[in-house]
Amino acid sequence: MENWDIYDFQRVSTGKTVARHDVMAGATLEDGEYRIVCHVIVFNSNDEILIHQRRPDKQGWAGYWDLTAAGSALEGEDSQEAAARELLEEVGITADFSGIAPHFTINSLNVFNDYYLLRQDVDLTTLNVPNDEVAQVRWASKDEIWQMVQDDSFVPIRRGTLELAFDLIKRRRTLERDES
């Protein structure tokens, strides 16, 4: 059984956990209680995002396209460990996020949504896809992703979130060029 740690609004563990199946069945956390969900966005050198299509038998958003990897931090995991695990499980990419803060966090109803951005050209044929969670992967531009959101084939994401991720990775690329 998969359990998630519960935190207060300052990200301090409350010592409580909630079972995944309870939340998926509609149970809600109390006011002031939060869990952590990590999102990893891999960009290539053409400023496209590696996206994946969820398997048709997956609970929640079955068959929809999503960002590179996403999922809840498991009991005992911190955000960085969860991001690395989800990226490996969903697409087979190994990354070390230890010592790295999320590039941005969006707080939603009882969830800290941590976003990590990577720039890495990945040969799609080397990825561990399909697997138990992912049906297929592909690269997509910001406009393609937004069109998929509008067509209801991509998990709901706010346009501002997508714009922020692209803006931050572009700024990071400019800084890296300026430093070399």
N, C-alpha and C. Protein backbone atom coordinates (compact mmCIF):
# COMPACT_ATOMS: atom_id res chain seq x y z
N MET A 1 0.84 -1.18 0.00
CA MET A 1 0.00 0.00 0.00
C MET A 1 0.89 1.25 0.00
N GLU A 2 0.52 2.22 -0.82
CA GLU A 2 1.28 3.46 -0.97
C GLU A 2 0.74 4.51 -0.01
N ASN A 3 1.63 5.05 0.83
CA ASN A 3 1.25 6.11 1.77
C ASN A 3 2.04 7.36 1.46
N TRP A 4 1.42 8.51 1.77
CA TRP A 4 2.04 9.80 1.56
C TRP A 4 2.16 10.52 2.90
N ASP A 5 3.31 11.14 3.15
CA ASP A 5 3.49 11.96 4.35
C ASP A 5 2.64 13.22 4.26
N ILE A 6 2.20 13.69 5.41
CA ILE A 6 1.41 14.91 5.50
C ILE A 6 2.26 15.99 6.17
N TYR A 7 2.20 17.20 5.61
CA TYR A 7 2.99 18.34 6.09
C TYR A 7 2.05 19.48 6.46
N ASP A 8 2.58 20.40 7.30
CA ASP A 8 1.82 21.62 7.57
C ASP A 8 2.17 22.65 6.50
N PHE A 9 1.62 23.86 6.61
CA PHE A 9 1.82 24.86 5.57
C PHE A 9 3.26 25.33 5.44
N GLN A 10 4.10 25.04 6.44
CA GLN A 10 5.51 25.39 6.38
C GLN A 10 6.39 24.22 5.94
N ARG A 11 5.76 23.15 5.47
CA ARG A 11 6.44 21.94 5.02
C ARG A 11 7.10 21.17 6.15
N VAL A 12 6.58 21.28 7.32
CA VAL A 12 7.07 20.51 8.46
C VAL A 12 6.19 19.28 8.57
N SER A 13 6.82 18.13 8.67
CA SER A 13 6.06 16.88 8.76
C SER A 13 5.16 16.89 9.99
N THR A 14 3.94 16.46 9.79
CA THR A 14 3.00 16.37 10.92
C THR A 14 3.13 15.01 11.62
N GLY A 15 3.88 14.10 10.99
CA GLY A 15 3.99 12.74 11.53
C GLY A 15 2.84 11.85 11.09
N LYS A 16 1.90 12.42 10.36
CA LYS A 16 0.76 11.65 9.87
C LYS A 16 0.98 11.26 8.42
N THR A 17 0.28 10.23 7.98
CA THR A 17 0.30 9.81 6.58
C THR A 17 -1.13 9.62 6.11
N VAL A 18 -1.28 9.56 4.81
CA VAL A 18 -2.57 9.25 4.20
C VAL A 18 -2.32 8.19 3.14
N ALA A 19 -3.23 7.26 3.02
CA ALA A 19 -3.11 6.21 2.02
C ALA A 19 -3.54 6.74 0.65
N ARG A 20 -2.77 6.40 -0.36
CA ARG A 20 -3.07 6.84 -1.73
C ARG A 20 -4.49 6.45 -2.13
N HIS A 21 -4.86 5.21 -1.84
CA HIS A 21 -6.17 4.74 -2.29
C HIS A 21 -7.30 5.53 -1.62
N ASP A 22 -7.08 6.04 -0.41
CA ASP A 22 -8.11 6.85 0.24
C ASP A 22 -8.29 8.19 -0.48
N VAL A 23 -7.17 8.81 -0.86
CA VAL A 23 -7.25 10.09 -1.58
C VAL A 23 -7.87 9.87 -2.95
N MET A 24 -7.47 8.81 -3.65
CA MET A 24 -8.01 8.53 -4.97
C MET A 24 -9.50 8.20 -4.89
N ALA A 25 -9.94 7.71 -3.73
CA ALA A 25 -11.36 7.40 -3.54
C ALA A 25 -12.17 8.62 -3.10
N GLY A 26 -11.49 9.77 -2.97
CA GLY A 26 -12.22 10.99 -2.65
C GLY A 26 -11.97 11.56 -1.27
N ALA A 27 -11.18 10.89 -0.44
CA ALA A 27 -10.88 11.44 0.88
C ALA A 27 -10.05 12.72 0.71
N THR A 28 -10.29 13.68 1.55
CA THR A 28 -9.54 14.93 1.48
C THR A 28 -8.73 15.11 2.74
N LEU A 29 -7.68 15.90 2.62
CA LEU A 29 -6.87 16.24 3.78
C LEU A 29 -7.57 17.36 4.54
N GLU A 30 -7.20 17.52 5.78
CA GLU A 30 -7.76 18.60 6.61
C GLU A 30 -7.18 19.94 6.14
N ASP A 31 -7.86 21.02 6.50
CA ASP A 31 -7.31 22.35 6.22
C ASP A 31 -5.94 22.46 6.87
N GLY A 32 -4.98 23.02 6.14
CA GLY A 32 -3.63 23.18 6.67
C GLY A 32 -2.75 21.96 6.51
N GLU A 33 -3.28 20.88 5.93
CA GLU A 33 -2.49 19.68 5.67
C GLU A 33 -2.16 19.61 4.19
N TYR A 34 -0.92 19.19 3.89
CA TYR A 34 -0.44 19.14 2.51
C TYR A 34 0.34 17.87 2.26
N ARG A 35 0.38 17.47 1.00
CA ARG A 35 1.27 16.41 0.55
C ARG A 35 2.12 17.00 -0.57
N ILE A 36 3.16 16.28 -0.98
CA ILE A 36 4.07 16.77 -2.02
C ILE A 36 3.87 15.98 -3.29
N VAL A 37 3.71 16.69 -4.40
CA VAL A 37 3.67 16.08 -5.73
C VAL A 37 4.81 16.71 -6.53
N CYS A 38 5.63 15.88 -7.15
CA CYS A 38 6.77 16.36 -7.93
C CYS A 38 6.49 16.24 -9.42
N HIS A 39 6.95 17.22 -10.16
CA HIS A 39 6.83 17.25 -11.61
C HIS A 39 8.23 17.49 -12.17
N VAL A 40 8.68 16.65 -13.07
CA VAL A 40 9.97 16.83 -13.71
C VAL A 40 9.71 17.13 -15.18
N ILE A 41 10.31 18.22 -15.66
CA ILE A 41 10.14 18.62 -17.05
C ILE A 41 11.50 18.59 -17.72
N VAL A 42 11.66 17.70 -18.70
CA VAL A 42 12.91 17.60 -19.44
C VAL A 42 12.75 18.35 -20.76
N PHE A 43 13.63 19.31 -20.98
CA PHE A 43 13.67 20.09 -22.21
C PHE A 43 14.84 19.62 -23.06
N ASN A 44 14.68 19.63 -24.38
CA ASN A 44 15.82 19.36 -25.26
C ASN A 44 16.41 20.69 -25.74
N SER A 45 17.45 20.62 -26.55
CA SER A 45 18.12 21.83 -27.03
C SER A 45 17.27 22.61 -28.03
N ASN A 46 16.16 22.04 -28.48
CA ASN A 46 15.24 22.74 -29.38
C ASN A 46 14.08 23.37 -28.61
N ASP A 47 14.21 23.44 -27.29
CA ASP A 47 13.17 23.99 -26.42
C ASP A 47 11.84 23.26 -26.56
N GLU A 48 11.92 21.95 -26.66
CA GLU A 48 10.74 21.09 -26.62
C GLU A 48 10.77 20.32 -25.32
N ILE A 49 9.59 19.90 -24.87
CA ILE A 49 9.46 19.13 -23.64
C ILE A 49 9.23 17.66 -23.99
N LEU A 50 9.89 16.79 -23.24
CA LEU A 50 9.62 15.36 -23.34
C LEU A 50 8.30 15.11 -22.60
N ILE A 51 7.30 14.66 -23.33
CA ILE A 51 6.00 14.38 -22.73
C ILE A 51 5.71 12.89 -22.85
N HIS A 52 4.83 12.40 -21.99
CA HIS A 52 4.47 10.99 -22.03
C HIS A 52 2.94 10.83 -22.03
N GLN A 53 2.50 9.75 -22.63
CA GLN A 53 1.08 9.42 -22.61
C GLN A 53 0.86 8.34 -21.56
N ARG A 54 -0.06 8.62 -20.67
CA ARG A 54 -0.39 7.66 -19.61
C ARG A 54 -1.08 6.45 -20.23
N ARG A 55 -0.81 5.30 -19.67
CA ARG A 55 -1.43 4.07 -20.17
C ARG A 55 -2.95 4.17 -20.06
N PRO A 56 -3.67 3.51 -20.96
CA PRO A 56 -5.14 3.58 -20.93
C PRO A 56 -5.77 2.92 -19.69
N ASP A 57 -5.01 2.06 -18.99
CA ASP A 57 -5.54 1.40 -17.81
C ASP A 57 -5.07 2.07 -16.51
N LYS A 58 -4.39 3.21 -16.62
CA LYS A 58 -3.86 3.92 -15.46
C LYS A 58 -4.99 4.64 -14.73
N GLN A 59 -4.97 4.57 -13.41
CA GLN A 59 -5.98 5.26 -12.61
C GLN A 59 -5.69 6.76 -12.65
N GLY A 60 -6.66 7.54 -12.99
CA GLY A 60 -6.48 8.99 -13.07
C GLY A 60 -5.84 9.43 -14.37
N TRP A 61 -6.58 10.14 -15.18
CA TRP A 61 -6.11 10.70 -16.45
C TRP A 61 -5.61 9.63 -17.42
N ALA A 62 -6.25 8.50 -17.42
CA ALA A 62 -5.89 7.40 -18.33
C ALA A 62 -5.89 7.87 -19.77
N GLY A 63 -4.81 7.56 -20.49
CA GLY A 63 -4.70 7.89 -21.90
C GLY A 63 -4.30 9.33 -22.19
N TYR A 64 -4.26 10.18 -21.17
CA TYR A 64 -3.89 11.58 -21.37
C TYR A 64 -2.37 11.73 -21.48
N TRP A 65 -1.95 12.79 -22.13
CA TRP A 65 -0.53 13.15 -22.18
C TRP A 65 -0.21 13.98 -20.95
N ASP A 66 1.07 13.93 -20.54
CA ASP A 66 1.51 14.63 -19.34
C ASP A 66 2.94 15.09 -19.53
N LEU A 67 3.41 15.92 -18.61
CA LEU A 67 4.81 16.33 -18.61
C LEU A 67 5.70 15.11 -18.45
N THR A 68 6.99 15.29 -18.51
CA THR A 68 7.94 14.18 -18.53
C THR A 68 7.65 13.15 -17.45
N ALA A 69 7.54 13.59 -16.21
CA ALA A 69 7.28 12.67 -15.10
C ALA A 69 6.60 13.43 -13.96
N ALA A 70 5.74 12.74 -13.25
CA ALA A 70 5.07 13.38 -12.12
C ALA A 70 4.53 12.32 -11.18
N GLY A 71 4.48 12.67 -9.90
CA GLY A 71 3.91 11.75 -8.93
C GLY A 71 4.11 12.24 -7.51
N SER A 72 3.41 11.61 -6.61
CA SER A 72 3.47 11.99 -5.20
C SER A 72 4.71 11.43 -4.52
N ALA A 73 5.22 12.21 -3.57
CA ALA A 73 6.30 11.73 -2.72
C ALA A 73 5.73 10.65 -1.80
N LEU A 74 6.43 9.54 -1.72
CA LEU A 74 6.00 8.44 -0.86
C LEU A 74 6.42 8.68 0.58
N GLU A 75 5.80 7.96 1.48
CA GLU A 75 6.15 8.07 2.89
C GLU A 75 7.66 7.91 3.07
N GLY A 76 8.28 8.88 3.75
CA GLY A 76 9.72 8.84 4.02
C GLY A 76 10.58 9.48 2.94
N GLU A 77 10.00 9.83 1.79
CA GLU A 77 10.75 10.46 0.71
C GLU A 77 10.67 11.98 0.82
N ASP A 78 11.77 12.65 0.44
CA ASP A 78 11.67 14.09 0.28
C ASP A 78 11.36 14.40 -1.18
N SER A 79 11.19 15.65 -1.48
CA SER A 79 10.80 16.06 -2.83
C SER A 79 11.83 15.61 -3.87
N GLN A 80 13.09 15.78 -3.56
CA GLN A 80 14.15 15.44 -4.50
C GLN A 80 14.19 13.93 -4.79
N GLU A 81 14.04 13.13 -3.76
CA GLU A 81 14.02 11.68 -3.95
C GLU A 81 12.82 11.26 -4.79
N ALA A 82 11.68 11.87 -4.53
CA ALA A 82 10.47 11.54 -5.28
C ALA A 82 10.62 11.92 -6.75
N ALA A 83 11.20 13.09 -7.02
CA ALA A 83 11.40 13.53 -8.40
C ALA A 83 12.30 12.54 -9.15
N ALA A 84 13.39 12.14 -8.53
CA ALA A 84 14.31 11.19 -9.17
C ALA A 84 13.64 9.84 -9.40
N ARG A 85 12.88 9.37 -8.41
CA ARG A 85 12.21 8.07 -8.55
C ARG A 85 11.17 8.11 -9.67
N GLU A 86 10.35 9.15 -9.69
CA GLU A 86 9.32 9.26 -10.72
C GLU A 86 9.92 9.34 -12.12
N LEU A 87 10.99 10.09 -12.28
CA LEU A 87 11.65 10.22 -13.59
C LEU A 87 12.18 8.88 -14.05
N LEU A 88 12.78 8.12 -13.14
CA LEU A 88 13.29 6.80 -13.48
C LEU A 88 12.17 5.82 -13.77
N GLU A 89 11.14 5.80 -12.92
CA GLU A 89 10.03 4.86 -13.11
C GLU A 89 9.26 5.12 -14.40
N GLU A 90 8.99 6.38 -14.69
CA GLU A 90 8.10 6.69 -15.80
C GLU A 90 8.78 6.67 -17.16
N VAL A 91 10.03 7.14 -17.24
CA VAL A 91 10.67 7.17 -18.56
C VAL A 91 12.07 6.56 -18.59
N GLY A 92 12.60 6.16 -17.44
CA GLY A 92 13.90 5.49 -17.43
C GLY A 92 15.10 6.42 -17.46
N ILE A 93 14.92 7.68 -17.07
CA ILE A 93 16.04 8.63 -17.02
C ILE A 93 16.51 8.74 -15.58
N THR A 94 17.82 8.63 -15.38
CA THR A 94 18.41 8.77 -14.06
C THR A 94 18.89 10.20 -13.87
N ALA A 95 18.52 10.80 -12.76
CA ALA A 95 18.96 12.15 -12.42
C ALA A 95 19.09 12.26 -10.91
N ASP A 96 20.01 13.10 -10.48
CA ASP A 96 20.23 13.32 -9.05
C ASP A 96 19.76 14.74 -8.70
N PHE A 97 18.74 14.83 -7.90
CA PHE A 97 18.20 16.14 -7.51
C PHE A 97 18.64 16.52 -6.10
N SER A 98 19.49 15.71 -5.47
CA SER A 98 19.89 16.03 -4.10
C SER A 98 20.60 17.39 -4.07
N GLY A 99 20.25 18.18 -3.09
CA GLY A 99 20.84 19.50 -2.94
C GLY A 99 20.26 20.54 -3.89
N ILE A 100 19.22 20.18 -4.64
CA ILE A 100 18.61 21.11 -5.59
C ILE A 100 17.19 21.42 -5.12
N ALA A 101 16.90 22.69 -4.98
CA ALA A 101 15.53 23.08 -4.64
C ALA A 101 14.69 23.02 -5.91
N PRO A 102 13.39 22.81 -5.77
CA PRO A 102 12.54 22.87 -6.96
C PRO A 102 12.72 24.22 -7.65
N HIS A 103 12.62 24.24 -8.97
CA HIS A 103 12.74 25.49 -9.71
C HIS A 103 11.56 26.41 -9.40
N PHE A 104 10.41 25.82 -9.15
CA PHE A 104 9.27 26.58 -8.64
C PHE A 104 8.28 25.61 -8.01
N THR A 105 7.45 26.15 -7.14
CA THR A 105 6.42 25.38 -6.46
C THR A 105 5.10 26.11 -6.60
N ILE A 106 4.07 25.37 -6.94
CA ILE A 106 2.73 25.93 -7.00
C ILE A 106 1.90 25.21 -5.93
N ASN A 107 1.37 25.99 -5.01
CA ASN A 107 0.54 25.42 -3.95
C ASN A 107 -0.90 25.36 -4.45
N SER A 108 -1.47 24.19 -4.39
CA SER A 108 -2.88 24.05 -4.73
C SER A 108 -3.58 23.42 -3.53
N LEU A 109 -4.80 23.04 -3.70
CA LEU A 109 -5.58 22.52 -2.59
C LEU A 109 -4.87 21.34 -1.94
N ASN A 110 -4.28 21.56 -0.78
CA ASN A 110 -3.62 20.53 0.02
C ASN A 110 -2.43 19.87 -0.67
N VAL A 111 -1.82 20.53 -1.67
CA VAL A 111 -0.68 19.95 -2.38
C VAL A 111 0.39 21.01 -2.62
N PHE A 112 1.64 20.64 -2.31
CA PHE A 112 2.80 21.40 -2.75
C PHE A 112 3.23 20.76 -4.07
N ASN A 113 3.05 21.45 -5.19
CA ASN A 113 3.46 20.94 -6.50
C ASN A 113 4.85 21.48 -6.80
N ASP A 114 5.87 20.62 -6.66
CA ASP A 114 7.26 21.01 -6.90
C ASP A 114 7.64 20.69 -8.35
N TYR A 115 8.21 21.67 -9.04
CA TYR A 115 8.61 21.51 -10.43
C TYR A 115 10.13 21.58 -10.54
N TYR A 116 10.69 20.57 -11.19
CA TYR A 116 12.13 20.50 -11.48
C TYR A 116 12.31 20.54 -12.98
N LEU A 117 13.28 21.34 -13.44
CA LEU A 117 13.53 21.50 -14.86
C LEU A 117 14.91 20.95 -15.21
N LEU A 118 14.98 20.17 -16.27
CA LEU A 118 16.25 19.63 -16.76
C LEU A 118 16.37 19.95 -18.24
N ARG A 119 17.58 20.21 -18.69
CA ARG A 119 17.84 20.32 -20.12
C ARG A 119 18.72 19.14 -20.49
N GLN A 120 18.17 18.27 -21.34
CA GLN A 120 18.90 17.06 -21.72
C GLN A 120 18.34 16.53 -23.04
N ASP A 121 19.20 16.40 -24.03
CA ASP A 121 18.79 15.78 -25.28
C ASP A 121 18.77 14.28 -25.06
N VAL A 122 17.62 13.69 -25.22
CA VAL A 122 17.42 12.27 -24.94
C VAL A 122 16.99 11.57 -26.22
N ASP A 123 17.64 10.47 -26.51
CA ASP A 123 17.22 9.63 -27.63
C ASP A 123 16.03 8.81 -27.15
N LEU A 124 14.86 9.06 -27.72
CA LEU A 124 13.64 8.42 -27.25
C LEU A 124 13.69 6.89 -27.34
N THR A 125 14.49 6.36 -28.26
CA THR A 125 14.57 4.91 -28.41
C THR A 125 15.31 4.25 -27.25
N THR A 126 16.01 5.03 -26.42
CA THR A 126 16.74 4.47 -25.29
C THR A 126 15.91 4.46 -24.01
N LEU A 127 14.72 5.04 -24.05
CA LEU A 127 13.90 5.13 -22.84
C LEU A 127 13.15 3.84 -22.57
N ASN A 128 12.84 3.63 -21.32
CA ASN A 128 12.15 2.43 -20.85
C ASN A 128 10.64 2.59 -21.05
N VAL A 129 10.22 2.65 -22.32
CA VAL A 129 8.82 2.90 -22.67
C VAL A 129 8.45 2.01 -23.83
N PRO A 130 7.30 1.38 -23.83
CA PRO A 130 6.25 1.46 -22.82
C PRO A 130 6.61 0.67 -21.56
N ASN A 131 5.88 1.00 -20.49
CA ASN A 131 6.08 0.32 -19.21
C ASN A 131 4.74 0.28 -18.47
N ASP A 132 4.76 -0.01 -17.18
CA ASP A 132 3.51 -0.13 -16.41
C ASP A 132 2.71 1.17 -16.30
N GLU A 133 3.38 2.32 -16.50
CA GLU A 133 2.70 3.60 -16.33
C GLU A 133 2.56 4.40 -17.62
N VAL A 134 3.49 4.20 -18.54
CA VAL A 134 3.59 5.05 -19.72
C VAL A 134 3.41 4.24 -20.99
N ALA A 135 2.55 4.74 -21.89
CA ALA A 135 2.31 4.07 -23.17
C ALA A 135 3.32 4.50 -24.23
N GLN A 136 3.62 5.80 -24.29
CA GLN A 136 4.55 6.31 -25.29
C GLN A 136 5.07 7.68 -24.87
N VAL A 137 6.13 8.11 -25.53
CA VAL A 137 6.74 9.43 -25.28
C VAL A 137 6.99 10.13 -26.60
N ARG A 138 7.12 11.43 -26.51
CA ARG A 138 7.51 12.22 -27.68
C ARG A 138 7.93 13.61 -27.22
N TRP A 139 8.58 14.36 -28.12
CA TRP A 139 8.93 15.74 -27.85
C TRP A 139 7.79 16.63 -28.34
N ALA A 140 7.52 17.72 -27.63
CA ALA A 140 6.46 18.63 -28.03
C ALA A 140 6.84 20.07 -27.69
N SER A 141 6.45 20.98 -28.55
CA SER A 141 6.68 22.41 -28.31
C SER A 141 5.63 22.94 -27.34
N LYS A 142 5.87 24.15 -26.86
CA LYS A 142 4.91 24.80 -25.96
C LYS A 142 3.55 24.93 -26.64
N ASP A 143 3.55 25.35 -27.90
CA ASP A 143 2.28 25.52 -28.62
C ASP A 143 1.56 24.19 -28.82
N GLU A 144 2.32 23.14 -29.12
CA GLU A 144 1.70 21.81 -29.28
C GLU A 144 1.06 21.35 -27.97
N ILE A 145 1.77 21.55 -26.87
CA ILE A 145 1.24 21.14 -25.57
C ILE A 145 -0.02 21.93 -25.25
N TRP A 146 0.02 23.24 -25.47
CA TRP A 146 -1.16 24.04 -25.17
C TRP A 146 -2.35 23.62 -26.02
N GLN A 147 -2.10 23.28 -27.29
CA GLN A 147 -3.19 22.81 -28.15
C GLN A 147 -3.76 21.49 -27.61
N MET A 148 -2.89 20.61 -27.11
CA MET A 148 -3.35 19.35 -26.53
C MET A 148 -4.19 19.60 -25.28
N VAL A 149 -3.80 20.59 -24.47
CA VAL A 149 -4.59 20.94 -23.28
C VAL A 149 -5.98 21.40 -23.73
N GLN A 150 -6.03 22.25 -24.74
CA GLN A 150 -7.32 22.75 -25.24
C GLN A 150 -8.16 21.64 -25.86
N ASP A 151 -7.49 20.64 -26.46
CA ASP A 151 -8.19 19.51 -27.08
C ASP A 151 -8.58 18.44 -26.07
N ASP A 152 -8.25 18.66 -24.78
CA ASP A 152 -8.54 17.71 -23.72
C ASP A 152 -7.85 16.36 -23.91
N SER A 153 -6.60 16.41 -24.41
CA SER A 153 -5.81 15.19 -24.52
C SER A 153 -4.56 15.28 -23.63
N PHE A 154 -4.40 16.39 -22.90
CA PHE A 154 -3.27 16.61 -22.00
C PHE A 154 -3.86 16.85 -20.61
N VAL A 155 -3.19 16.36 -19.57
CA VAL A 155 -3.67 16.62 -18.21
C VAL A 155 -3.81 18.13 -18.02
N PRO A 156 -4.77 18.57 -17.22
CA PRO A 156 -4.94 20.01 -17.05
C PRO A 156 -3.69 20.67 -16.50
N ILE A 157 -3.26 21.70 -17.18
CA ILE A 157 -2.13 22.51 -16.73
C ILE A 157 -2.46 23.95 -17.10
N ARG A 158 -2.17 24.85 -16.22
CA ARG A 158 -2.44 26.26 -16.51
C ARG A 158 -1.42 26.79 -17.51
N ARG A 159 -1.88 27.64 -18.38
CA ARG A 159 -0.99 28.22 -19.38
C ARG A 159 0.18 28.94 -18.69
N GLY A 160 -0.11 29.62 -17.58
CA GLY A 160 0.94 30.32 -16.85
C GLY A 160 2.03 29.39 -16.33
N THR A 161 1.65 28.20 -15.92
CA THR A 161 2.63 27.22 -15.45
C THR A 161 3.54 26.81 -16.59
N LEU A 162 2.96 26.54 -17.74
CA LEU A 162 3.73 26.17 -18.93
C LEU A 162 4.65 27.32 -19.35
N GLU A 163 4.12 28.53 -19.37
CA GLU A 163 4.92 29.71 -19.74
C GLU A 163 6.08 29.90 -18.77
N LEU A 164 5.82 29.73 -17.47
CA LEU A 164 6.87 29.89 -16.47
C LEU A 164 7.99 28.89 -16.67
N ALA A 165 7.65 27.64 -16.91
CA ALA A 165 8.68 26.61 -17.13
C ALA A 165 9.54 26.96 -18.34
N PHE A 166 8.92 27.36 -19.43
CA PHE A 166 9.68 27.73 -20.62
C PHE A 166 10.54 28.96 -20.38
N ASP A 167 9.99 29.94 -19.66
CA ASP A 167 10.75 31.15 -19.36
C ASP A 167 11.96 30.84 -18.49
N LEU A 168 11.77 30.02 -17.46
CA LEU A 168 12.89 29.69 -16.57
C LEU A 168 13.98 28.91 -17.28
N ILE A 169 13.61 27.96 -18.14
CA ILE A 169 14.64 27.19 -18.83
C ILE A 169 15.37 28.06 -19.85
N LYS A 170 14.67 29.00 -20.46
CA LYS A 170 15.30 29.92 -21.41
C LYS A 170 16.28 30.82 -20.68
N ARG A 171 15.88 31.34 -19.52
CA ARG A 171 16.78 32.19 -18.73
C ARG A 171 18.01 31.42 -18.27
N ARG A 172 17.79 30.16 -17.90
CA ARG A 172 18.91 29.32 -17.46
C ARG A 172 19.89 29.12 -18.61
N ARG A 173 19.36 28.91 -19.81
CA ARG A 173 20.22 28.72 -20.98
C ARG A 173 21.02 29.98 -21.25
N THR A 174 20.39 31.15 -21.12
CA THR A 174 21.09 32.43 -21.34
C THR A 174 22.19 32.60 -20.31
N LEU A 175 21.91 32.29 -19.05
CA LEU A 175 22.92 32.40 -18.01
C LEU A 175 24.09 31.47 -18.26
N GLU A 176 23.81 30.24 -18.68
CA GLU A 176 24.88 29.28 -18.96
C GLU A 176 25.76 29.77 -20.10
N ARG A 177 25.15 30.37 -21.14
CA ARG A 177 25.92 30.92 -22.27
C ARG A 177 26.79 32.07 -21.80
N ASP A 178 26.23 32.95 -20.96
CA ASP A 178 26.96 34.11 -20.49
C ASP A 178 28.14 33.73 -19.60
N GLU A 179 28.02 32.63 -18.88
CA GLU A 179 29.10 32.19 -17.98
C GLU A 179 30.25 31.53 -18.72
N SER A 180 29.99 31.01 -19.92
CA SER A 180 31.07 30.30 -20.65
C SER A 180 31.88 31.21 -21.52
